[in-house]
mmCIF file of all heavy atoms, coordinates in Angstrom:
data_MODEL
# 
_entry.id   MODEL 
# 
loop_
_atom_site.group_PDB 
_atom_site.id 
_atom_site.type_symbol 
_atom_site.label_atom_id 
_atom_site.label_alt_id 
_atom_site.label_comp_id 
_atom_site.label_asym_id 
_atom_site.label_entity_id 
_atom_site.label_seq_id 
_atom_site.pdbx_PDB_ins_code 
_atom_site.Cartn_x 
_atom_site.Cartn_y 
_atom_site.Cartn_z 
_atom_site.occupancy 
_atom_site.B_iso_or_equiv 
_atom_site.pdbx_formal_charge 
_atom_site.auth_seq_id 
_atom_site.auth_comp_id 
_atom_site.auth_asym_id 
_atom_site.auth_atom_id 
_atom_site.pdbx_PDB_model_num 
ATOM 1   N N   . VAL A 1 1  ? -5.504 0.690   8.856   1.00 0.00 ? 1  VAL A N   1 
ATOM 2   C CA  . VAL A 1 1  ? -4.820 1.788   8.177   1.00 0.00 ? 1  VAL A CA  1 
ATOM 3   C C   . VAL A 1 1  ? -5.885 2.735   7.642   1.00 0.00 ? 1  VAL A C   1 
ATOM 4   O O   . VAL A 1 1  ? -7.047 2.370   7.491   1.00 0.00 ? 1  VAL A O   1 
ATOM 5   C CB  . VAL A 1 1  ? -3.903 1.293   7.027   1.00 0.00 ? 1  VAL A CB  1 
ATOM 6   C CG1 . VAL A 1 1  ? -2.791 0.420   7.549   1.00 0.00 ? 1  VAL A CG1 1 
ATOM 7   C CG2 . VAL A 1 1  ? -4.691 0.566   5.956   1.00 0.00 ? 1  VAL A CG2 1 
ATOM 8   N N   . ALA A 1 2  ? -5.476 3.950   7.355   1.00 0.00 ? 2  ALA A N   1 
ATOM 9   C CA  . ALA A 1 2  ? -6.401 4.959   6.829   1.00 0.00 ? 2  ALA A CA  1 
ATOM 10  C C   . ALA A 1 2  ? -5.774 5.633   5.616   1.00 0.00 ? 2  ALA A C   1 
ATOM 11  O O   . ALA A 1 2  ? -4.556 5.581   5.412   1.00 0.00 ? 2  ALA A O   1 
ATOM 12  C CB  . ALA A 1 2  ? -6.705 5.996   7.910   1.00 0.00 ? 2  ALA A CB  1 
ATOM 13  N N   . ASP A 1 3  ? -6.598 6.276   4.819   1.00 0.00 ? 3  ASP A N   1 
ATOM 14  C CA  . ASP A 1 3  ? -6.159 7.048   3.646   1.00 0.00 ? 3  ASP A CA  1 
ATOM 15  C C   . ASP A 1 3  ? -5.290 6.221   2.699   1.00 0.00 ? 3  ASP A C   1 
ATOM 16  O O   . ASP A 1 3  ? -4.304 6.717   2.146   1.00 0.00 ? 3  ASP A O   1 
ATOM 17  C CB  . ASP A 1 3  ? -5.396 8.308   4.074   1.00 0.00 ? 3  ASP A CB  1 
ATOM 18  C CG  . ASP A 1 3  ? -6.219 9.212   4.958   1.00 0.00 ? 3  ASP A CG  1 
ATOM 19  O OD1 . ASP A 1 3  ? -7.456 9.244   4.788   1.00 0.00 ? 3  ASP A OD1 1 
ATOM 20  O OD2 . ASP A 1 3  ? -5.640 9.876   5.842   1.00 0.00 ? 3  ASP A OD2 1 
ATOM 21  N N   . TYR A 1 4  ? -5.646 4.971   2.486   1.00 0.00 ? 4  TYR A N   1 
ATOM 22  C CA  . TYR A 1 4  ? -4.858 4.062   1.643   1.00 0.00 ? 4  TYR A CA  1 
ATOM 23  C C   . TYR A 1 4  ? -5.005 4.442   0.182   1.00 0.00 ? 4  TYR A C   1 
ATOM 24  O O   . TYR A 1 4  ? -6.105 4.556   -0.339  1.00 0.00 ? 4  TYR A O   1 
ATOM 25  C CB  . TYR A 1 4  ? -5.332 2.626   1.855   1.00 0.00 ? 4  TYR A CB  1 
ATOM 26  C CG  . TYR A 1 4  ? -4.484 1.578   1.177   1.00 0.00 ? 4  TYR A CG  1 
ATOM 27  C CD1 . TYR A 1 4  ? -3.479 0.933   1.862   1.00 0.00 ? 4  TYR A CD1 1 
ATOM 28  C CD2 . TYR A 1 4  ? -4.703 1.227   -0.151  1.00 0.00 ? 4  TYR A CD2 1 
ATOM 29  C CE1 . TYR A 1 4  ? -2.703 -0.042  1.258   1.00 0.00 ? 4  TYR A CE1 1 
ATOM 30  C CE2 . TYR A 1 4  ? -3.938 0.263   -0.768  1.00 0.00 ? 4  TYR A CE2 1 
ATOM 31  C CZ  . TYR A 1 4  ? -2.942 -0.366  -0.061  1.00 0.00 ? 4  TYR A CZ  1 
ATOM 32  O OH  . TYR A 1 4  ? -2.178 -1.329  -0.676  1.00 0.00 ? 4  TYR A OH  1 
ATOM 33  N N   . GLN A 1 5  ? -3.876 4.650   -0.470  1.00 0.00 ? 5  GLN A N   1 
ATOM 34  C CA  . GLN A 1 5  ? -3.807 4.866   -1.915  1.00 0.00 ? 5  GLN A CA  1 
ATOM 35  C C   . GLN A 1 5  ? -2.786 3.878   -2.434  1.00 0.00 ? 5  GLN A C   1 
ATOM 36  O O   . GLN A 1 5  ? -1.634 3.914   -2.003  1.00 0.00 ? 5  GLN A O   1 
ATOM 37  C CB  . GLN A 1 5  ? -3.332 6.269   -2.260  1.00 0.00 ? 5  GLN A CB  1 
ATOM 38  C CG  . GLN A 1 5  ? -4.201 7.387   -1.789  1.00 0.00 ? 5  GLN A CG  1 
ATOM 39  C CD  . GLN A 1 5  ? -3.525 8.708   -2.121  1.00 0.00 ? 5  GLN A CD  1 
ATOM 40  O OE1 . GLN A 1 5  ? -3.105 8.927   -3.258  1.00 0.00 ? 5  GLN A OE1 1 
ATOM 41  N NE2 . GLN A 1 5  ? -3.394 9.567   -1.143  1.00 0.00 ? 5  GLN A NE2 1 
ATOM 42  N N   . GLY A 1 6  ? -3.183 3.004   -3.342  1.00 0.00 ? 6  GLY A N   1 
ATOM 43  C CA  . GLY A 1 6  ? -2.241 2.006   -3.807  1.00 0.00 ? 6  GLY A CA  1 
ATOM 44  C C   . GLY A 1 6  ? -2.406 1.681   -5.268  1.00 0.00 ? 6  GLY A C   1 
ATOM 45  O O   . GLY A 1 6  ? -3.395 2.028   -5.908  1.00 0.00 ? 6  GLY A O   1 
ATOM 46  N N   . ILE A 1 7  ? -1.397 0.992   -5.786  1.00 0.00 ? 7  ILE A N   1 
ATOM 47  C CA  . ILE A 1 7  ? -1.434 0.447   -7.133  1.00 0.00 ? 7  ILE A CA  1 
ATOM 48  C C   . ILE A 1 7  ? -0.848 -0.958  -7.064  1.00 0.00 ? 7  ILE A C   1 
ATOM 49  O O   . ILE A 1 7  ? -0.028 -1.278  -6.203  1.00 0.00 ? 7  ILE A O   1 
ATOM 50  C CB  . ILE A 1 7  ? -0.641 1.298   -8.151  1.00 0.00 ? 7  ILE A CB  1 
ATOM 51  C CG1 . ILE A 1 7  ? 0.809  1.498   -7.701  1.00 0.00 ? 7  ILE A CG1 1 
ATOM 52  C CG2 . ILE A 1 7  ? -1.337 2.608   -8.419  1.00 0.00 ? 7  ILE A CG2 1 
ATOM 53  C CD1 . ILE A 1 7  ? 1.689  2.188   -8.725  1.00 0.00 ? 7  ILE A CD1 1 
ATOM 54  N N   . ASP A 1 8  ? -1.289 -1.806  -7.967  1.00 0.00 ? 8  ASP A N   1 
ATOM 55  C CA  . ASP A 1 8  ? -0.774 -3.165  -8.061  1.00 0.00 ? 8  ASP A CA  1 
ATOM 56  C C   . ASP A 1 8  ? -1.070 -3.657  -9.469  1.00 0.00 ? 8  ASP A C   1 
ATOM 57  O O   . ASP A 1 8  ? -1.807 -3.020  -10.222 1.00 0.00 ? 8  ASP A O   1 
ATOM 58  C CB  . ASP A 1 8  ? -1.418 -4.069  -7.015  1.00 0.00 ? 8  ASP A CB  1 
ATOM 59  C CG  . ASP A 1 8  ? -0.594 -5.327  -6.737  1.00 0.00 ? 8  ASP A CG  1 
ATOM 60  O OD1 . ASP A 1 8  ? 0.476  -5.498  -7.353  1.00 0.00 ? 8  ASP A OD1 1 
ATOM 61  O OD2 . ASP A 1 8  ? -1.033 -6.139  -5.914  1.00 0.00 ? 8  ASP A OD2 1 
ATOM 62  N N   . ALA A 1 9  ? -0.501 -4.805  -9.814  1.00 0.00 ? 9  ALA A N   1 
ATOM 63  C CA  . ALA A 1 9  ? -0.734 -5.400  -11.117 1.00 0.00 ? 9  ALA A CA  1 
ATOM 64  C C   . ALA A 1 9  ? -0.566 -6.909  -11.011 1.00 0.00 ? 9  ALA A C   1 
ATOM 65  O O   . ALA A 1 9  ? 0.212  -7.394  -10.185 1.00 0.00 ? 9  ALA A O   1 
ATOM 66  C CB  . ALA A 1 9  ? 0.244  -4.840  -12.150 1.00 0.00 ? 9  ALA A CB  1 
ATOM 67  N N   . THR A 1 10 ? -1.295 -7.623  -11.820 1.00 0.00 ? 10 THR A N   1 
ATOM 68  C CA  . THR A 1 10 ? -1.150 -9.071  -11.843 1.00 0.00 ? 10 THR A CA  1 
ATOM 69  C C   . THR A 1 10 ? 0.061  -9.496  -12.652 1.00 0.00 ? 10 THR A C   1 
ATOM 70  O O   . THR A 1 10 ? 0.490  -10.638 -12.558 1.00 0.00 ? 10 THR A O   1 
ATOM 71  C CB  . THR A 1 10 ? -2.406 -9.736  -12.435 1.00 0.00 ? 10 THR A CB  1 
ATOM 72  O OG1 . THR A 1 10 ? -2.630 -9.221  -13.746 1.00 0.00 ? 10 THR A OG1 1 
ATOM 73  C CG2 . THR A 1 10 ? -3.618 -9.487  -11.560 1.00 0.00 ? 10 THR A CG2 1 
ATOM 74  N N   . SER A 1 11 ? 0.645  -8.589  -13.413 1.00 0.00 ? 11 SER A N   1 
ATOM 75  C CA  . SER A 1 11 ? 1.773  -8.942  -14.279 1.00 0.00 ? 11 SER A CA  1 
ATOM 76  C C   . SER A 1 11 ? 3.088  -9.102  -13.515 1.00 0.00 ? 11 SER A C   1 
ATOM 77  O O   . SER A 1 11 ? 3.998  -9.757  -14.000 1.00 0.00 ? 11 SER A O   1 
ATOM 78  C CB  . SER A 1 11 ? 1.947  -7.898  -15.387 1.00 0.00 ? 11 SER A CB  1 
ATOM 79  O OG  . SER A 1 11 ? 2.204  -6.626  -14.836 1.00 0.00 ? 11 SER A OG  1 
ATOM 80  N N   . SER A 1 12 ? 3.203  -8.514  -12.317 1.00 0.00 ? 12 SER A N   1 
ATOM 81  C CA  . SER A 1 12 ? 4.428  -8.640  -11.532 1.00 0.00 ? 12 SER A CA  1 
ATOM 82  C C   . SER A 1 12 ? 4.152  -8.275  -10.080 1.00 0.00 ? 12 SER A C   1 
ATOM 83  O O   . SER A 1 12 ? 3.528  -7.253  -9.817  1.00 0.00 ? 12 SER A O   1 
ATOM 84  C CB  . SER A 1 12 ? 5.520  -7.710  -12.068 1.00 0.00 ? 12 SER A CB  1 
ATOM 85  O OG  . SER A 1 12 ? 6.624  -7.670  -11.184 1.00 0.00 ? 12 SER A OG  1 
ATOM 86  N N   . PRO A 1 13 ? 4.674  -9.076  -9.135  1.00 0.00 ? 13 PRO A N   1 
ATOM 87  C CA  . PRO A 1 13 ? 4.521  -8.714  -7.725  1.00 0.00 ? 13 PRO A CA  1 
ATOM 88  C C   . PRO A 1 13 ? 5.246  -7.416  -7.367  1.00 0.00 ? 13 PRO A C   1 
ATOM 89  O O   . PRO A 1 13 ? 4.898  -6.767  -6.393  1.00 0.00 ? 13 PRO A O   1 
ATOM 90  C CB  . PRO A 1 13 ? 5.147  -9.889  -6.977  1.00 0.00 ? 13 PRO A CB  1 
ATOM 91  C CG  . PRO A 1 13 ? 5.161  -11.016 -7.936  1.00 0.00 ? 13 PRO A CG  1 
ATOM 92  C CD  . PRO A 1 13 ? 5.279  -10.399 -9.298  1.00 0.00 ? 13 PRO A CD  1 
ATOM 93  N N   . LEU A 1 14 ? 6.247  -7.034  -8.148  1.00 0.00 ? 14 LEU A N   1 
ATOM 94  C CA  . LEU A 1 14 ? 7.030  -5.837  -7.843  1.00 0.00 ? 14 LEU A CA  1 
ATOM 95  C C   . LEU A 1 14 ? 6.292  -4.540  -8.131  1.00 0.00 ? 14 LEU A C   1 
ATOM 96  O O   . LEU A 1 14 ? 6.790  -3.468  -7.815  1.00 0.00 ? 14 LEU A O   1 
ATOM 97  C CB  . LEU A 1 14 ? 8.348  -5.858  -8.621  1.00 0.00 ? 14 LEU A CB  1 
ATOM 98  C CG  . LEU A 1 14 ? 9.339  -6.929  -8.213  1.00 0.00 ? 14 LEU A CG  1 
ATOM 99  C CD1 . LEU A 1 14 ? 10.556 -6.904  -9.123  1.00 0.00 ? 14 LEU A CD1 1 
ATOM 100 C CD2 . LEU A 1 14 ? 9.758  -6.763  -6.767  1.00 0.00 ? 14 LEU A CD2 1 
ATOM 101 N N   . LYS A 1 15 ? 5.124  -4.598  -8.712  1.00 0.00 ? 15 LYS A N   1 
ATOM 102 C CA  . LYS A 1 15 ? 4.388  -3.377  -9.042  1.00 0.00 ? 15 LYS A CA  1 
ATOM 103 C C   . LYS A 1 15 ? 3.577  -2.828  -7.875  1.00 0.00 ? 15 LYS A C   1 
ATOM 104 O O   . LYS A 1 15 ? 3.002  -1.761  -7.961  1.00 0.00 ? 15 LYS A O   1 
ATOM 105 C CB  . LYS A 1 15 ? 3.491  -3.625  -10.253 1.00 0.00 ? 15 LYS A CB  1 
ATOM 106 C CG  . LYS A 1 15 ? 4.314  -3.861  -11.506 1.00 0.00 ? 15 LYS A CG  1 
ATOM 107 C CD  . LYS A 1 15 ? 3.451  -3.925  -12.725 1.00 0.00 ? 15 LYS A CD  1 
ATOM 108 C CE  . LYS A 1 15 ? 4.289  -4.200  -13.937 1.00 0.00 ? 15 LYS A CE  1 
ATOM 109 N NZ  . LYS A 1 15 ? 4.558  -3.045  -14.739 1.00 0.00 ? 15 LYS A NZ  1 
ATOM 110 N N   . LEU A 1 16 ? 3.534  -3.545  -6.757  1.00 0.00 ? 16 LEU A N   1 
ATOM 111 C CA  . LEU A 1 16 ? 2.776  -3.086  -5.588  1.00 0.00 ? 16 LEU A CA  1 
ATOM 112 C C   . LEU A 1 16 ? 3.444  -1.859  -4.971  1.00 0.00 ? 16 LEU A C   1 
ATOM 113 O O   . LEU A 1 16 ? 4.638  -1.868  -4.661  1.00 0.00 ? 16 LEU A O   1 
ATOM 114 C CB  . LEU A 1 16 ? 2.690  -4.200  -4.541  1.00 0.00 ? 16 LEU A CB  1 
ATOM 115 C CG  . LEU A 1 16 ? 2.050  -3.821  -3.212  1.00 0.00 ? 16 LEU A CG  1 
ATOM 116 C CD1 . LEU A 1 16 ? 0.567  -3.539  -3.391  1.00 0.00 ? 16 LEU A CD1 1 
ATOM 117 C CD2 . LEU A 1 16 ? 2.259  -4.925  -2.190  1.00 0.00 ? 16 LEU A CD2 1 
ATOM 118 N N   . ARG A 1 17 ? 2.665  -0.806  -4.788  1.00 0.00 ? 17 ARG A N   1 
ATOM 119 C CA  . ARG A 1 17 ? 3.085  0.402   -4.083  1.00 0.00 ? 17 ARG A CA  1 
ATOM 120 C C   . ARG A 1 17 ? 1.863  0.927   -3.344  1.00 0.00 ? 17 ARG A C   1 
ATOM 121 O O   . ARG A 1 17 ? 0.752  0.834   -3.848  1.00 0.00 ? 17 ARG A O   1 
ATOM 122 C CB  . ARG A 1 17 ? 3.540  1.511   -5.026  1.00 0.00 ? 17 ARG A CB  1 
ATOM 123 C CG  . ARG A 1 17 ? 4.567  1.152   -6.052  1.00 0.00 ? 17 ARG A CG  1 
ATOM 124 C CD  . ARG A 1 17 ? 5.964  1.160   -5.488  1.00 0.00 ? 17 ARG A CD  1 
ATOM 125 N NE  . ARG A 1 17 ? 6.966  1.003   -6.521  1.00 0.00 ? 17 ARG A NE  1 
ATOM 126 C CZ  . ARG A 1 17 ? 7.202  -0.091  -7.198  1.00 0.00 ? 17 ARG A CZ  1 
ATOM 127 N NH1 . ARG A 1 17 ? 6.487  -1.157  -6.982  1.00 0.00 ? 17 ARG A NH1 1 
ATOM 128 N NH2 . ARG A 1 17 ? 8.153  -0.160  -8.105  1.00 0.00 ? 17 ARG A NH2 1 
ATOM 129 N N   . ALA A 1 18 ? 2.070  1.513   -2.179  1.00 0.00 ? 18 ALA A N   1 
ATOM 130 C CA  . ALA A 1 18 ? 0.942  2.108   -1.464  1.00 0.00 ? 18 ALA A CA  1 
ATOM 131 C C   . ALA A 1 18 ? 1.437  3.162   -0.491  1.00 0.00 ? 18 ALA A C   1 
ATOM 132 O O   . ALA A 1 18 ? 2.574  3.114   -0.011  1.00 0.00 ? 18 ALA A O   1 
ATOM 133 C CB  . ALA A 1 18 ? 0.148  1.041   -0.718  1.00 0.00 ? 18 ALA A CB  1 
ATOM 134 N N   . CYS A 1 19 ? 0.555  4.093   -0.188  1.00 0.00 ? 19 CYS A N   1 
ATOM 135 C CA  . CYS A 1 19 ? 0.770  5.129   0.822   1.00 0.00 ? 19 CYS A CA  1 
ATOM 136 C C   . CYS A 1 19 ? -0.456 5.116   1.722   1.00 0.00 ? 19 CYS A C   1 
ATOM 137 O O   . CYS A 1 19 ? -1.576 4.928   1.241   1.00 0.00 ? 19 CYS A O   1 
ATOM 138 C CB  . CYS A 1 19 ? 0.905  6.498   0.164   1.00 0.00 ? 19 CYS A CB  1 
ATOM 139 S SG  . CYS A 1 19 ? 2.119  6.554   -1.164  1.00 0.00 ? 19 CYS A SG  1 
ATOM 140 N N   . PHE A 1 20 ? -0.255 5.313   3.019   1.00 0.00 ? 20 PHE A N   1 
ATOM 141 C CA  . PHE A 1 20 ? -1.359 5.219   3.969   1.00 0.00 ? 20 PHE A CA  1 
ATOM 142 C C   . PHE A 1 20 ? -0.964 5.851   5.284   1.00 0.00 ? 20 PHE A C   1 
ATOM 143 O O   . PHE A 1 20 ? 0.163  6.285   5.466   1.00 0.00 ? 20 PHE A O   1 
ATOM 144 C CB  . PHE A 1 20 ? -1.766 3.753   4.180   1.00 0.00 ? 20 PHE A CB  1 
ATOM 145 C CG  . PHE A 1 20 ? -0.607 2.860   4.558   1.00 0.00 ? 20 PHE A CG  1 
ATOM 146 C CD1 . PHE A 1 20 ? -0.232 2.684   5.874   1.00 0.00 ? 20 PHE A CD1 1 
ATOM 147 C CD2 . PHE A 1 20 ? 0.109  2.195   3.572   1.00 0.00 ? 20 PHE A CD2 1 
ATOM 148 C CE1 . PHE A 1 20 ? 0.844  1.874   6.209   1.00 0.00 ? 20 PHE A CE1 1 
ATOM 149 C CE2 . PHE A 1 20 ? 1.179  1.383   3.898   1.00 0.00 ? 20 PHE A CE2 1 
ATOM 150 C CZ  . PHE A 1 20 ? 1.552  1.226   5.220   1.00 0.00 ? 20 PHE A CZ  1 
ATOM 151 N N   . ARG A 1 21 ? -1.907 5.872   6.223   1.00 0.00 ? 21 ARG A N   1 
ATOM 152 C CA  . ARG A 1 21 ? -1.671 6.324   7.597   1.00 0.00 ? 21 ARG A CA  1 
ATOM 153 C C   . ARG A 1 21 ? -1.839 5.110   8.499   1.00 0.00 ? 21 ARG A C   1 
ATOM 154 O O   . ARG A 1 21 ? -2.738 4.299   8.297   1.00 0.00 ? 21 ARG A O   1 
ATOM 155 C CB  . ARG A 1 21 ? -2.681 7.393   8.004   1.00 0.00 ? 21 ARG A CB  1 
ATOM 156 C CG  . ARG A 1 21 ? -2.805 8.563   7.074   1.00 0.00 ? 21 ARG A CG  1 
ATOM 157 C CD  . ARG A 1 21 ? -1.850 9.685   7.229   1.00 0.00 ? 21 ARG A CD  1 
ATOM 158 N NE  . ARG A 1 21 ? -1.636 10.071  8.594   1.00 0.00 ? 21 ARG A NE  1 
ATOM 159 C CZ  . ARG A 1 21 ? -0.496 10.623  9.006   1.00 0.00 ? 21 ARG A CZ  1 
ATOM 160 N NH1 . ARG A 1 21 ? 0.491  10.828  8.172   1.00 0.00 ? 21 ARG A NH1 1 
ATOM 161 N NH2 . ARG A 1 21 ? -0.341 10.965  10.257  1.00 0.00 ? 21 ARG A NH2 1 
ATOM 162 N N   . ILE A 1 22 ? -0.960 4.985   9.495   1.00 0.00 ? 22 ILE A N   1 
ATOM 163 C CA  . ILE A 1 22 ? -0.986 3.853   10.412  1.00 0.00 ? 22 ILE A CA  1 
ATOM 164 C C   . ILE A 1 22 ? -0.542 4.326   11.791  1.00 0.00 ? 22 ILE A C   1 
ATOM 165 O O   . ILE A 1 22 ? 0.220  5.296   11.906  1.00 0.00 ? 22 ILE A O   1 
ATOM 166 C CB  . ILE A 1 22 ? -0.063 2.715   9.899   1.00 0.00 ? 22 ILE A CB  1 
ATOM 167 C CG1 . ILE A 1 22 ? -0.221 1.433   10.725  1.00 0.00 ? 22 ILE A CG1 1 
ATOM 168 C CG2 . ILE A 1 22 ? 1.380  3.164   9.844   1.00 0.00 ? 22 ILE A CG2 1 
ATOM 169 C CD1 . ILE A 1 22 ? 0.488  0.228   10.126  1.00 0.00 ? 22 ILE A CD1 1 
ATOM 170 N N   . ASP A 1 23 ? -0.983 3.654   12.821  1.00 0.00 ? 23 ASP A N   1 
ATOM 171 C CA  . ASP A 1 23 ? -0.526 3.938   14.173  1.00 0.00 ? 23 ASP A CA  1 
ATOM 172 C C   . ASP A 1 23 ? 0.875  3.343   14.322  1.00 0.00 ? 23 ASP A C   1 
ATOM 173 O O   . ASP A 1 23 ? 1.036  2.125   14.218  1.00 0.00 ? 23 ASP A O   1 
ATOM 174 C CB  . ASP A 1 23 ? -1.477 3.316   15.194  1.00 0.00 ? 23 ASP A CB  1 
ATOM 175 C CG  . ASP A 1 23 ? -1.037 3.556   16.636  1.00 0.00 ? 23 ASP A CG  1 
ATOM 176 O OD1 . ASP A 1 23 ? -0.078 4.323   16.861  1.00 0.00 ? 23 ASP A OD1 1 
ATOM 177 O OD2 . ASP A 1 23 ? -1.664 2.967   17.537  1.00 0.00 ? 23 ASP A OD2 1 
ATOM 178 N N   . PRO A 1 24 ? 1.914  4.152   14.540  1.00 0.00 ? 24 PRO A N   1 
ATOM 179 C CA  . PRO A 1 24 ? 3.275  3.629   14.643  1.00 0.00 ? 24 PRO A CA  1 
ATOM 180 C C   . PRO A 1 24 ? 3.446  2.584   15.744  1.00 0.00 ? 24 PRO A C   1 
ATOM 181 O O   . PRO A 1 24 ? 4.324  1.722   15.655  1.00 0.00 ? 24 PRO A O   1 
ATOM 182 C CB  . PRO A 1 24 ? 4.131  4.863   14.922  1.00 0.00 ? 24 PRO A CB  1 
ATOM 183 C CG  . PRO A 1 24 ? 3.320  6.011   14.459  1.00 0.00 ? 24 PRO A CG  1 
ATOM 184 C CD  . PRO A 1 24 ? 1.885  5.608   14.638  1.00 0.00 ? 24 PRO A CD  1 
ATOM 185 N N   . ALA A 1 25 ? 2.608  2.623   16.757  1.00 0.00 ? 25 ALA A N   1 
ATOM 186 C CA  . ALA A 1 25 ? 2.698  1.632   17.832  1.00 0.00 ? 25 ALA A CA  1 
ATOM 187 C C   . ALA A 1 25 ? 2.360  0.226   17.331  1.00 0.00 ? 25 ALA A C   1 
ATOM 188 O O   . ALA A 1 25 ? 2.778  -0.767  17.925  1.00 0.00 ? 25 ALA A O   1 
ATOM 189 C CB  . ALA A 1 25 ? 1.770  2.016   18.972  1.00 0.00 ? 25 ALA A CB  1 
ATOM 190 N N   . ALA A 1 26 ? 1.619  0.127   16.226  1.00 0.00 ? 26 ALA A N   1 
ATOM 191 C CA  . ALA A 1 26 ? 1.234  -1.177  15.691  1.00 0.00 ? 26 ALA A CA  1 
ATOM 192 C C   . ALA A 1 26 ? 2.417  -1.963  15.150  1.00 0.00 ? 26 ALA A C   1 
ATOM 193 O O   . ALA A 1 26 ? 2.353  -3.188  15.040  1.00 0.00 ? 26 ALA A O   1 
ATOM 194 C CB  . ALA A 1 26 ? 0.190  -1.003  14.595  1.00 0.00 ? 26 ALA A CB  1 
# 
């Protein structure tokens, strides 16, 4: 993946969010 921007937290698995570029064929 490229241009990954994300956030996460150890306090909850639900806090994971990310935006990125990926080859749709993958």
